[in-house]
Amino acid sequence: MDKILNWSLAQQDPETAGKVPAPDSKLLAKLFGAADDPQLMKEAIAVVQSEEAELETKLTALENFEMLIENLDNANNIENMKMWDAIIDLLSLEKELELQQLACSIVGTAVQNNDKSQADFTKYPQGVPSLIALAHKKESRLKSLYALSSLIRNNTKAYESFDEHKGWELIGP
């Protein structure tokens, strides 16, 4: 608190304004109650799983979730926070194409160039088959192929699962 007070007082005088370092933004966020990234991730998944939430609200929550997991640490936290099941479950929501597409995009973003997230995702046996099934559908092909290509790149276990579940049939003869 003293640092914040000193910084605030120094900002009032042009001669001292640049001499006192700015307060730590992370500490300020904690002080004023801003949620940290893992908490925001939990809240986003809770919104998506809520039966009361409107589709638009769920889509916004998933978009925010995807932005959060662009950070490698947050992507790796998906497994630590036991969220892969919820994301993979979204892949099978036949009536909610937009949620399926966003779930594919989340998978692709989380596992792209991320060995740990690739390994974590492959622990879920329904993950790769769900992505392959979506890639067979015209409406979700692009997003599911993004997820699959990000997943199998440099990951032997994911590639083997892709091969085992006849992923090569997506390419055709």
Protein backbone atom coordinates (compact mmCIF):
# COMPACT_ATOMS: atom_id res chain seq x y z
CA MET A 1 0.00 0.00 0.00
CA ASP A 2 2.88 2.35 0.75
CA LYS A 3 4.26 1.83 -2.77
CA ILE A 4 0.89 2.67 -4.30
CA LEU A 5 0.59 5.79 -2.13
CA ASN A 6 4.14 6.92 -2.98
CA TRP A 7 3.56 6.32 -6.68
CA SER A 8 0.27 8.19 -6.58
CA LEU A 9 1.80 11.19 -4.81
CA ALA A 10 4.78 11.20 -7.18
CA GLN A 11 2.45 11.35 -10.20
CA GLN A 12 1.11 14.70 -9.02
CA ASP A 13 4.49 16.41 -9.42
CA PRO A 14 6.03 16.40 -12.94
CA GLU A 15 9.56 16.40 -11.46
CA THR A 16 9.02 13.21 -9.45
CA ALA A 17 6.57 11.41 -11.76
CA GLY A 18 9.21 9.40 -13.61
CA LYS A 19 11.37 8.64 -10.58
CA VAL A 20 9.00 6.32 -8.70
CA PRO A 21 8.37 2.97 -10.39
CA ALA A 22 4.81 2.01 -11.25
CA PRO A 23 3.12 -0.48 -8.93
CA ASP A 24 3.03 -4.15 -9.91
CA SER A 25 -0.04 -4.72 -12.10
CA LYS A 26 -0.55 -8.28 -10.80
CA LEU A 27 -0.60 -7.08 -7.21
CA LEU A 28 -3.04 -4.33 -8.13
CA ALA A 29 -5.31 -6.87 -9.77
CA LYS A 30 -5.28 -8.99 -6.63
CA LEU A 31 -5.88 -5.95 -4.46
CA PHE A 32 -8.91 -4.86 -6.46
CA GLY A 33 -10.32 -8.35 -6.84
CA ALA A 34 -9.67 -9.04 -10.51
CA ALA A 35 -9.94 -12.73 -11.29
CA ASP A 36 -6.83 -14.54 -12.44
CA ASP A 37 -6.72 -16.56 -15.66
CA PRO A 38 -7.48 -19.98 -14.10
CA GLN A 39 -10.52 -18.52 -12.37
CA LEU A 40 -11.71 -16.98 -15.63
CA MET A 41 -11.22 -20.34 -17.35
CA LYS A 42 -13.34 -22.09 -14.69
CA GLU A 43 -16.06 -19.47 -15.01
CA ALA A 44 -16.14 -19.82 -18.80
CA ILE A 45 -16.56 -23.60 -18.62
CA ALA A 46 -19.23 -23.19 -15.94
CA VAL A 47 -21.19 -20.89 -18.25
CA VAL A 48 -20.94 -23.37 -21.12
CA GLN A 49 -22.16 -26.21 -18.92
CA SER A 50 -25.03 -24.18 -17.50
CA GLU A 51 -28.44 -25.18 -18.83
CA GLU A 52 -29.76 -21.68 -18.10
CA ALA A 53 -27.18 -19.86 -20.24
CA GLU A 54 -28.22 -18.68 -23.70
CA LEU A 55 -26.30 -19.90 -26.74
CA GLU A 56 -24.78 -16.45 -27.35
CA THR A 57 -23.51 -16.32 -23.77
CA LYS A 58 -21.96 -19.76 -24.15
CA LEU A 59 -20.29 -18.77 -27.41
CA THR A 60 -18.84 -15.65 -25.81
CA ALA A 61 -17.57 -17.69 -22.87
CA LEU A 62 -15.85 -20.15 -25.24
CA GLU A 63 -14.32 -17.33 -27.26
CA ASN A 64 -12.94 -15.83 -24.06
CA PHE A 65 -11.67 -19.26 -23.00
CA GLU A 66 -9.85 -19.64 -26.31
CA MET A 67 -8.17 -16.27 -25.87
CA LEU A 68 -7.01 -17.29 -22.41
CA ILE A 69 -5.48 -20.56 -23.61
CA GLU A 70 -3.41 -18.84 -26.26
CA ASN A 71 -1.09 -18.46 -23.28
CA LEU A 72 0.88 -21.72 -23.03
CA ASP A 73 0.58 -21.91 -19.24
CA ASN A 74 -3.19 -21.59 -19.43
CA ALA A 75 -3.38 -24.24 -22.16
CA ASN A 76 -1.40 -26.58 -19.95
CA ASN A 77 -3.77 -25.84 -17.07
CA ILE A 78 -6.68 -27.40 -18.95
CA GLU A 79 -5.57 -30.83 -17.76
CA ASN A 80 -4.59 -29.63 -14.28
CA MET A 81 -8.05 -28.14 -13.85
CA LYS A 82 -9.79 -31.23 -15.30
CA MET A 83 -11.41 -29.35 -18.20
CA TRP A 84 -10.61 -31.62 -21.14
CA ASP A 85 -13.71 -33.73 -20.49
CA ALA A 86 -15.95 -30.67 -20.74
CA ILE A 87 -14.28 -29.50 -23.95
CA ILE A 88 -14.40 -32.96 -25.54
CA ASP A 89 -18.07 -33.27 -24.56
CA LEU A 90 -18.76 -30.14 -26.61
CA LEU A 91 -17.46 -31.95 -29.70
CA SER A 92 -20.43 -34.29 -29.57
CA LEU A 93 -23.19 -31.67 -29.28
CA GLU A 94 -24.88 -32.44 -32.59
CA LYS A 95 -27.53 -29.72 -32.26
CA GLU A 96 -25.02 -26.98 -31.43
CA LEU A 97 -22.74 -26.67 -34.44
CA GLU A 98 -21.26 -23.36 -33.28
CA LEU A 99 -20.26 -24.85 -29.93
CA GLN A 100 -18.70 -27.83 -31.71
CA GLN A 101 -16.70 -25.54 -33.97
CA LEU A 102 -15.46 -23.44 -31.08
CA ALA A 103 -14.52 -26.58 -29.17
CA CYS A 104 -12.46 -27.72 -32.18
CA SER A 105 -10.80 -24.34 -32.30
CA ILE A 106 -10.02 -24.52 -28.58
CA VAL A 107 -8.44 -27.96 -29.01
CA GLY A 108 -6.37 -26.72 -31.94
CA THR A 109 -5.20 -23.62 -30.08
CA ALA A 110 -4.37 -25.52 -26.89
CA VAL A 111 -2.36 -28.30 -28.54
CA GLN A 112 -0.65 -26.28 -31.26
CA ASN A 113 3.12 -26.56 -30.75
CA ASN A 114 2.46 -27.67 -27.17
CA ASP A 115 3.80 -31.12 -26.29
CA LYS A 116 2.23 -31.18 -22.84
CA SER A 117 -1.27 -30.29 -24.02
CA GLN A 118 -0.96 -32.77 -26.90
CA ALA A 119 -0.06 -35.52 -24.44
CA ASP A 120 -2.84 -34.45 -22.08
CA PHE A 121 -5.48 -34.47 -24.83
CA THR A 122 -4.48 -37.93 -26.03
CA LYS A 123 -5.24 -39.33 -22.56
CA TYR A 124 -8.91 -39.04 -23.49
CA PRO A 125 -9.76 -41.91 -25.85
CA GLN A 126 -12.87 -40.19 -27.27
CA GLY A 127 -10.96 -37.02 -28.28
CA VAL A 128 -9.39 -38.03 -31.59
CA PRO A 129 -12.40 -40.04 -32.82
CA SER A 130 -14.67 -37.08 -32.06
CA LEU A 131 -12.45 -34.76 -34.09
CA ILE A 132 -12.31 -37.24 -36.98
CA ALA A 133 -16.10 -37.62 -36.95
CA LEU A 134 -16.48 -33.83 -37.13
CA ALA A 135 -13.97 -33.63 -39.97
CA HIS A 136 -16.27 -35.85 -42.04
CA LYS A 137 -19.00 -33.18 -41.80
CA LYS A 138 -18.82 -30.27 -44.20
CA GLU A 139 -19.93 -27.71 -41.58
CA SER A 140 -17.17 -28.54 -39.11
CA ARG A 141 -14.41 -29.83 -41.38
CA LEU A 142 -12.16 -26.77 -41.32
CA LYS A 143 -12.07 -26.37 -37.53
CA SER A 144 -11.71 -30.09 -36.83
CA LEU A 145 -8.86 -30.40 -39.34
CA TYR A 146 -7.15 -27.47 -37.63
CA ALA A 147 -7.44 -29.30 -34.31
CA LEU A 148 -6.27 -32.61 -35.78
CA SER A 149 -3.29 -31.14 -37.60
CA SER A 150 -2.20 -29.25 -34.48
CA LEU A 151 -2.63 -32.40 -32.41
CA ILE A 152 -0.77 -34.94 -34.53
CA ARG A 153 2.10 -32.63 -35.42
CA ASN A 154 5.18 -34.04 -33.66
CA ASN A 155 3.11 -36.30 -31.39
CA THR A 156 3.45 -40.01 -32.04
CA LYS A 157 0.64 -41.12 -29.74
CA ALA A 158 -1.84 -38.69 -31.32
CA TYR A 159 -0.73 -39.74 -34.80
CA GLU A 160 -1.20 -43.42 -33.93
CA SER A 161 -4.70 -42.69 -32.65
CA PHE A 162 -5.44 -40.71 -35.83
CA ASP A 163 -4.24 -43.64 -37.94
CA GLU A 164 -6.07 -46.23 -35.82
CA HIS A 165 -9.36 -44.35 -36.19
CA LYS A 166 -8.98 -44.15 -39.98
CA GLY A 167 -8.19 -40.44 -40.07
CA TRP A 168 -6.50 -40.88 -43.43
CA GLU A 169 -9.91 -41.50 -44.98
CA LEU A 170 -10.48 -37.77 -44.64
CA ILE A 171 -8.03 -37.17 -47.46
CA GLY A 172 -9.67 -39.61 -49.86
CA PRO A 173 -8.24 -41.81 -52.59
